[in-house]
Amino acid sequence: MRRRTGCGTTVRQAEQAQRPEEEPQRLFTEACLHGLRAKLCDEVDSLDSYLPPQVAAMARKVAEELEVPELATTS
């Protein structure tokens, strides 16, 4: 059984995030994905708990720029 942290993140994913590769495109992609997940799950404050500081900072910026769409109301 895979242990999970918040919002579906597995412990393995969290451990891999602790050791990101130095490739800039990979860091940026990882930050975008983590920022999106954090925004959708309302867990932006938890980014520092499982990401390296550089990736967490980029992910936080991504999350800040995203807007959660409001559901359209029908009349």
Protein backbone atom coordinates (compact mmCIF):
# COMPACT_ATOMS: atom_id res chain seq x y z
CA MET A 1 0.00 0.00 0.00
CA ARG A 2 1.28 3.45 -0.85
CA ARG A 3 1.31 5.93 1.98
CA ARG A 4 -0.11 9.29 1.06
CA THR A 5 0.46 12.78 2.29
CA GLY A 6 -2.10 15.54 1.69
CA CYS A 7 -4.15 15.74 -1.51
CA GLY A 8 -2.97 12.49 -3.02
CA THR A 9 0.79 13.08 -2.86
CA THR A 10 2.53 9.80 -2.14
CA VAL A 11 5.44 9.65 0.27
CA ARG A 12 7.63 8.53 -2.65
CA GLN A 13 6.70 11.66 -4.62
CA ALA A 14 7.50 13.78 -1.58
CA GLU A 15 10.86 12.05 -1.15
CA GLN A 16 11.69 12.52 -4.84
CA ALA A 17 10.84 16.20 -4.51
CA GLN A 18 13.51 16.46 -1.80
CA ARG A 19 16.13 15.53 -4.43
CA PRO A 20 15.22 17.43 -7.57
CA GLU A 21 17.55 17.20 -10.49
CA GLU A 22 19.36 20.40 -11.34
CA GLU A 23 17.91 20.61 -14.84
CA PRO A 24 16.09 24.00 -14.99
CA GLN A 25 13.24 22.75 -17.20
CA ARG A 26 12.57 19.87 -14.80
CA LEU A 27 12.58 22.20 -11.77
CA PHE A 28 10.19 24.59 -13.50
CA THR A 29 7.84 21.78 -14.59
CA GLU A 30 7.89 20.28 -11.10
CA ALA A 31 7.17 23.67 -9.55
CA CYS A 32 4.24 24.25 -11.91
CA LEU A 33 2.71 20.87 -11.11
CA HIS A 34 3.17 21.25 -7.35
CA GLY A 35 1.85 24.83 -7.47
CA LEU A 36 -1.24 23.74 -9.39
CA ARG A 37 -1.92 20.86 -7.00
CA ALA A 38 -1.38 23.09 -3.96
CA LYS A 39 -3.76 25.73 -5.32
CA LEU A 40 -6.49 23.24 -6.20
CA CYS A 41 -6.21 21.46 -2.85
CA ASP A 42 -5.82 24.71 -0.88
CA GLU A 43 -2.49 23.49 0.53
CA VAL A 44 -0.11 26.24 -0.55
CA ASP A 45 1.22 26.57 3.00
CA SER A 46 2.38 22.94 3.01
CA LEU A 47 4.77 23.29 0.05
CA ASP A 48 7.75 23.94 2.33
CA SER A 49 7.14 20.70 4.21
CA TYR A 50 8.01 18.45 1.26
CA LEU A 51 9.78 20.52 -1.39
CA PRO A 52 13.28 21.98 -1.51
CA PRO A 53 13.24 25.75 -0.90
CA GLN A 54 13.90 26.69 -4.55
CA VAL A 55 11.09 24.51 -5.90
CA ALA A 56 8.71 25.53 -3.10
CA ALA A 57 9.28 29.21 -3.87
CA MET A 58 8.58 28.70 -7.57
CA ALA A 59 5.53 26.54 -6.82
CA ARG A 60 4.18 29.23 -4.48
CA LYS A 61 4.53 31.84 -7.24
CA VAL A 62 2.66 29.57 -9.66
CA ALA A 63 -0.10 29.00 -7.11
CA GLU A 64 -0.44 32.74 -6.46
CA GLU A 65 -0.95 33.44 -10.15
CA LEU A 66 -3.61 30.79 -10.67
CA GLU A 67 -7.25 31.62 -10.32
CA VAL A 68 -9.76 29.03 -9.24
CA PRO A 69 -12.71 29.43 -11.58
CA GLU A 70 -16.07 30.02 -10.01
CA LEU A 71 -18.90 27.79 -11.06
CA ALA A 72 -21.29 29.43 -13.47
CA THR A 73 -24.76 29.93 -12.14
CA THR A 74 -27.70 29.20 -14.35
CA SER A 75 -30.85 31.20 -14.12
